[in-house]
Protein backbone atom coordinates (compact mmCIF):
# COMPACT_ATOMS: atom_id res chain seq x y z
CA MET A 1 108.46 111.12 112.75
CA SER A 2 108.84 108.25 110.28
CA SER A 3 105.43 108.77 108.65
CA SER A 4 106.90 111.55 106.47
CA ILE A 5 109.63 109.23 105.14
CA PRO A 6 108.38 107.35 102.07
CA ARG A 7 108.83 103.59 102.06
CA ILE A 8 110.90 102.79 98.97
CA ARG A 9 111.50 99.29 97.65
CA LEU A 10 112.72 98.86 94.06
CA TYR A 11 113.56 95.39 92.79
CA LEU A 12 115.72 93.95 90.02
CA GLY A 13 113.92 91.12 88.27
CA GLU A 14 112.80 88.34 90.61
CA GLU A 15 115.31 89.05 93.39
CA ALA A 16 113.85 88.73 96.87
CA SER A 17 115.78 91.67 98.33
CA PRO A 18 115.29 95.18 96.98
CA ALA A 19 117.99 96.78 94.85
CA VAL A 20 117.05 100.20 96.25
CA ARG A 21 115.42 101.08 99.55
CA ASP A 22 114.97 104.08 101.82
CA GLY A 23 117.57 104.65 104.52
CA LEU A 24 120.15 107.09 105.83
CA GLU A 25 123.72 107.81 104.85
CA LEU A 26 126.48 109.70 106.66
CA CYS A 27 129.28 110.97 104.40
CA PHE A 28 132.51 112.87 105.01
CA TYR A 29 134.82 114.33 102.37
CA MET A 30 138.44 114.96 103.33
CA PRO A 31 141.11 116.66 101.17
CA HIS A 32 143.84 114.72 102.97
CA PRO A 33 145.95 111.68 102.07
CA HIS A 34 145.10 108.29 103.49
CA GLU A 35 148.27 108.25 105.58
CA ALA A 36 146.94 111.24 107.57
CA LEU A 37 143.50 109.68 108.01
CA LYS A 38 144.23 106.13 109.21
CA SER A 39 143.72 106.65 112.94
CA GLY A 40 140.59 108.75 112.46
CA VAL A 41 139.02 106.22 110.11
CA ARG A 42 139.78 103.38 112.53
CA ARG A 43 138.07 105.35 115.28
CA ALA A 44 135.10 106.13 113.01
CA LEU A 45 134.74 102.43 112.20
CA GLY A 46 134.73 101.62 115.92
CA VAL A 47 132.07 104.27 116.58
CA TYR A 48 129.91 102.89 113.78
CA LEU A 49 130.22 99.27 114.95
CA HIS A 50 129.40 100.29 118.51
CA ALA A 51 126.19 101.91 117.24
CA VAL A 52 124.99 99.18 114.87
CA GLY A 53 126.46 96.09 116.55
CA GLU A 54 129.53 94.00 115.79
CA ASN A 55 127.47 91.54 113.73
CA ALA A 56 125.84 94.12 111.43
CA LEU A 57 128.68 93.76 108.90
CA GLY A 58 129.37 90.31 107.50
CA SER A 59 131.07 90.75 104.10
CA TYR A 60 134.00 92.65 102.65
CA LEU A 61 135.00 93.47 99.09
CA ASP A 62 138.36 91.91 98.24
CA ARG A 63 140.96 93.31 95.86
CA ASP A 64 139.46 91.35 92.98
CA GLY A 65 136.06 92.93 93.47
CA GLU A 66 134.49 89.83 95.01
CA TRP A 67 132.50 89.71 98.24
CA GLN A 68 134.07 87.55 100.95
CA PRO A 69 132.97 86.57 104.50
CA LEU A 70 134.01 89.11 107.11
CA ASP A 71 135.30 86.46 109.50
CA ALA A 72 138.42 86.72 111.66
CA ARG A 73 140.60 86.43 108.58
CA GLY A 74 138.51 89.05 106.78
CA TRP A 75 138.87 91.50 109.66
CA GLU A 76 142.62 90.87 109.74
CA LEU A 77 142.92 91.69 106.04
CA THR A 78 140.67 94.73 106.40
CA ARG A 79 142.72 96.18 109.24
CA ARG A 80 145.93 95.44 107.36
CA ASP A 81 144.63 97.20 104.24
CA LEU A 82 143.60 100.17 106.37
CA HIS A 83 146.96 100.37 108.15
CA ASP A 84 149.45 99.53 105.39
CA GLY A 85 150.16 101.43 102.20
CA VAL A 86 149.63 104.95 100.98
CA GLU A 87 146.00 104.38 99.97
CA ALA A 88 143.12 102.12 100.95
CA ARG A 89 139.75 101.03 99.62
CA ILE A 90 137.61 99.46 102.33
CA HIS A 91 134.04 98.31 101.69
CA LEU A 92 132.18 96.35 104.35
CA THR A 93 128.52 95.41 104.24
CA GLU A 94 126.01 92.87 105.44
CA GLU A 95 126.57 89.18 104.96
CA ALA A 96 123.82 88.81 102.40
CA ARG A 97 123.46 92.44 101.25
CA GLY A 98 119.78 92.08 102.09
CA ASP A 99 116.92 94.37 102.99
CA GLU A 100 118.54 95.81 106.14
CA ARG A 101 121.29 97.98 104.69
CA PHE A 102 124.32 98.56 106.91
CA ASP A 103 127.41 99.59 104.98
CA PHE A 104 130.88 101.09 105.62
CA HIS A 105 132.73 102.45 102.59
CA TYR A 106 136.06 104.26 102.73
CA LEU A 107 138.20 105.62 99.89
CA GLY A 108 141.59 106.71 101.22
CA LYS A 109 143.65 108.28 98.47
CA ALA A 110 147.38 108.85 98.07
CA LEU A 111 146.91 112.58 97.64
CA GLY A 112 150.21 114.33 97.05
CA HIS A 113 152.11 111.09 96.59
CA PRO A 114 154.58 111.45 93.70
CA GLU A 115 153.51 108.18 92.07
CA ALA A 116 149.78 108.73 92.44
CA PHE A 117 147.68 109.91 89.51
CA ARG A 118 144.98 112.07 91.03
CA GLY A 119 143.02 115.03 89.73
CA PRO A 120 142.91 118.44 91.40
CA ASP A 121 139.48 117.78 92.92
CA ASP A 122 140.15 114.29 94.30
CA VAL A 123 139.39 113.80 97.99
CA SER A 124 139.36 110.90 100.39
CA ALA A 125 135.83 109.96 101.44
CA LEU A 126 133.95 107.89 103.99
CA ALA A 127 130.29 106.87 103.95
CA VAL A 128 128.21 104.69 106.26
CA SER A 129 124.57 103.75 105.92
CA LEU A 130 121.69 102.86 108.20
CA PRO A 131 118.23 101.50 107.40
CA THR A 132 115.26 103.71 108.21
CA GLU A 133 114.30 101.14 110.85
CA PHE A 134 117.37 102.19 112.85
CA LEU A 135 116.01 105.74 112.93
CA GLU A 136 112.59 104.48 113.96
CA THR A 137 113.79 102.28 116.80
CA GLN A 138 116.75 104.34 118.07
CA GLY A 139 115.38 107.82 117.38
CA PRO A 140 116.90 110.76 115.48
CA GLY A 141 118.93 111.77 118.53
CA ARG A 142 120.87 108.51 118.34
CA VAL A 143 121.57 109.04 114.64
CA ARG A 144 122.72 112.58 115.30
CA SER A 145 125.01 111.40 118.12
CA LEU A 146 126.53 108.81 115.80
CA ALA A 147 127.19 111.45 113.15
CA LEU A 148 128.77 113.80 115.69
CA ASP A 149 130.97 111.05 117.17
CA MET A 150 132.23 110.12 113.71
CA ALA A 151 132.76 113.76 112.75
CA TRP A 152 135.06 114.37 115.72
CA ALA A 153 137.46 111.74 114.36
CA LEU A 154 137.66 113.08 110.81
CA PRO A 155 139.26 116.26 109.36
CA PHE A 156 136.45 116.87 106.88
CA SER A 157 136.09 119.82 104.55
CA SER A 158 132.41 118.95 104.08
CA GLY A 159 129.92 116.20 104.73
CA HIS A 160 126.28 115.37 105.16
CA ALA A 161 123.92 113.04 106.99
CA GLY A 162 120.35 112.39 106.01
CA LEU A 163 117.94 110.33 103.97
CA SER A 164 119.33 108.43 101.00
CA PHE A 165 118.50 105.82 98.40
CA LEU A 166 120.41 102.78 99.67
CA GLY A 167 121.52 99.92 97.46
CA GLU A 168 122.09 100.27 93.73
CA PRO A 169 120.23 103.46 92.66
CA LEU A 170 122.35 103.85 89.52
CA ALA A 171 121.39 100.43 88.11
CA SER A 172 119.89 101.01 84.67
CA SER A 173 116.65 99.12 85.39
CA VAL A 174 115.73 101.30 88.39
CA ARG A 175 117.41 104.62 87.48
CA ASP A 176 114.32 106.22 85.93
CA GLU A 177 112.21 105.48 89.00
CA VAL A 178 114.98 106.73 91.30
CA GLU A 179 115.12 109.95 89.27
CA ARG A 180 111.37 110.43 89.58
CA LEU A 181 111.44 109.83 93.32
CA ALA A 182 114.54 112.01 93.83
CA LEU A 183 112.90 114.99 92.14
CA ARG A 184 109.70 114.43 94.12
CA HIS A 185 111.49 113.99 97.47
CA PRO A 186 114.35 116.52 97.26
CA ALA A 187 115.95 115.68 100.64
CA ILE A 188 116.62 112.03 99.72
CA ASP A 189 120.15 111.84 98.37
CA VAL A 190 121.25 109.71 95.43
CA PRO A 191 124.65 108.46 96.66
CA TYR A 192 127.64 108.24 94.32
CA LEU A 193 130.70 108.07 96.57
CA ASP A 194 133.28 107.15 93.94
CA GLY A 195 132.23 109.91 91.57
CA ARG A 196 131.99 112.54 94.26
CA ALA A 197 135.42 111.61 95.64
CA ARG A 198 136.85 112.35 92.17
CA THR A 199 135.15 115.69 91.54
CA LEU A 200 133.97 117.38 94.76
CA GLY A 201 137.19 118.93 96.00
CA THR A 202 136.47 121.36 98.84
CA ARG A 203 133.05 122.33 97.53
CA VAL A 204 129.82 121.36 99.27
CA LEU A 205 126.93 119.18 98.15
CA GLY A 206 123.36 120.36 98.57
CA PRO A 207 121.77 120.64 102.03
CA SER A 208 120.93 117.53 104.00
CA TRP A 209 119.40 117.05 107.45
CA MET A 210 122.91 117.53 108.82
CA THR A 211 125.46 119.49 106.79
CA PHE A 212 129.11 119.42 107.90
CA LEU A 213 131.24 122.43 107.01
CA GLY A 214 134.99 122.85 107.43
CA PRO A 215 137.77 124.80 105.79
CA PRO A 216 137.84 126.57 103.46
CA VAL A 217 134.07 127.08 103.11
CA LEU A 218 133.28 127.80 106.75
CA THR A 219 136.18 130.25 106.91
CA GLU A 220 134.96 132.07 103.81
CA LEU A 221 131.46 132.21 105.31
CA GLY A 222 132.92 134.06 108.28
CA GLY A 223 132.80 131.18 110.76
CA ALA A 224 130.01 129.48 112.67
CA GLU A 225 128.73 132.66 114.31
CA ALA A 226 128.34 134.46 110.98
CA LEU A 227 126.62 131.42 109.49
CA ARG A 228 124.28 131.22 112.49
CA ALA A 229 123.23 134.84 111.95
CA ARG A 230 122.20 134.10 108.35
CA LEU A 231 119.99 131.10 109.10
CA ARG A 232 116.62 132.14 110.55
CA SER A 233 114.41 129.10 109.96
CA PRO A 234 112.82 127.66 113.12
CA GLY A 235 114.58 124.50 114.23
CA THR A 236 117.86 125.19 112.42
CA LEU A 237 120.84 124.59 114.70
CA VAL A 238 124.44 125.62 114.01
CA GLN A 239 126.90 123.85 116.29
CA ASP A 240 130.62 124.54 116.58
CA LEU A 241 132.92 121.55 116.21
CA GLY A 242 136.29 123.01 117.05
CA SER A 243 137.62 126.32 115.79
CA ASP A 244 137.18 125.76 112.06
CA ARG A 245 134.32 123.28 111.65
CA ALA A 246 130.58 123.38 112.25
CA ILE A 247 127.45 121.30 111.77
CA VAL A 248 124.11 122.67 110.57
CA THR A 249 121.12 120.56 111.60
CA LEU A 250 117.77 121.29 109.94
CA GLY A 251 115.12 120.31 112.44
CA PRO A 252 114.84 117.53 115.01
CA ALA A 253 114.58 114.71 112.44
CA PRO A 254 115.33 114.18 108.74
CA GLN A 255 112.61 115.01 106.23
CA ALA A 256 112.16 113.81 102.67
CA GLY A 257 110.04 116.63 101.33
CA ASP A 258 107.35 116.05 98.73
CA THR A 259 106.92 118.51 95.87
CA GLU A 260 103.59 116.93 94.93
CA GLN A 261 102.25 117.79 98.39
CA GLY A 262 103.81 121.26 98.54
CA GLN A 263 106.48 120.17 101.06
CA THR A 264 109.34 122.28 99.68
CA LEU A 265 111.45 122.33 102.89
CA PRO A 266 112.05 126.07 103.45
CA ALA A 267 114.94 125.50 105.89
CA TYR A 268 116.79 123.40 103.30
CA ARG A 269 116.20 126.08 100.67
CA GLU A 270 117.46 128.80 103.01
CA LEU A 271 120.70 126.90 103.66
CA ALA A 272 121.12 126.23 99.93
CA ARG A 273 120.91 129.95 99.19
CA VAL A 274 123.55 130.74 101.80
CA LEU A 275 125.86 128.00 100.48
CA GLU A 276 125.21 128.61 96.77
CA PRO A 277 128.64 130.15 95.95
CA TRP A 278 130.31 126.99 97.28
CA LEU A 279 127.87 124.32 96.10
CA PHE A 280 129.13 121.66 93.72
CA GLN A 281 127.25 121.89 90.45
CA THR A 282 127.96 120.17 87.18
CA PRO A 283 128.63 122.80 84.48
CA PRO A 284 125.92 123.05 81.81
CA GLY A 285 126.53 120.94 78.74
CA PRO A 286 126.61 117.35 77.51
CA SER A 287 128.27 116.00 80.67
CA ALA A 288 125.26 117.02 82.74
CA GLU A 289 122.85 115.32 80.35
CA GLN A 290 124.90 112.12 79.90
CA SER A 291 125.51 111.57 83.60
CA PRO A 292 124.98 108.07 85.01
CA PHE A 293 123.54 109.80 88.07
CA ILE A 294 120.19 110.99 86.77
CA HIS A 295 119.30 112.29 83.32
CA ASP A 296 119.47 115.96 84.26
CA ARG A 297 122.04 116.07 87.04
CA ARG A 298 122.28 119.86 87.14
CA SER A 299 118.52 120.23 87.57
CA TRP A 300 118.64 117.86 90.55
CA GLN A 301 121.64 119.65 92.05
CA ARG A 302 119.69 122.93 91.95
CA ARG A 303 116.51 121.44 93.40
CA PHE A 304 116.67 123.71 96.49
CA LEU A 305 117.58 126.82 94.48
CA ASP A 306 115.24 126.99 91.49
């Protein structure tokens, strides 16, 4: 299972821990204000901690942008920030931000609040990460169960779970190598939670091992049954999650793909074709070429279509 996942370790200078490594990320995008999400996010945090262990997270990002110990006082402040106010920005990670990358990142926005300055495509967003070693030791079924348990708590419009470049993939000194690897291994995501939470709206990102679909996209697709009828690849599973949400799982375990070895991931390409009218794509032009994401963002976004 893990032999098809490339081992990725990219370093900044002489640092002992890698700036970028292979891993998994689970993301949910929610076009709802923070005030409507508080209880669900608290439950999702509990589900995540139960899966990875209470001691997996040891630092939090304070309001000045500095990392602080996630001790009893840190947890108190975190829970207060999550509970109080019309918006919240919670970022929890490992004590040393080392090679084993566990991370919980939530952006709860004051959508619809009269004093909030938000664009039409702003959404609240939640992302958690796991090292590949978690997949290897716990198995893909455990990762899938974690994703499902978190999904039940969140009113997502879309989301995804699968392989990802963990760490700092947008750092200038590693960006070119990340771009090369991302184009070679099309099912490894290049995460950019802040940017996506500003521009995604109710559209959908490209296929991942697990793709979460809610309103309005699933409704416009005709529901889970209609979607199921359009996906014929062996191993593709469409699962209902309530009346207006569904999860598409592409095979028993996540794959990276490898264009140099002819591993083009037909199931991922089939799902991309079905979702194409709703996929988020940067419009052609200078913004696509000047992106801090990768040099040709639009080319990467269409990697399962072209």
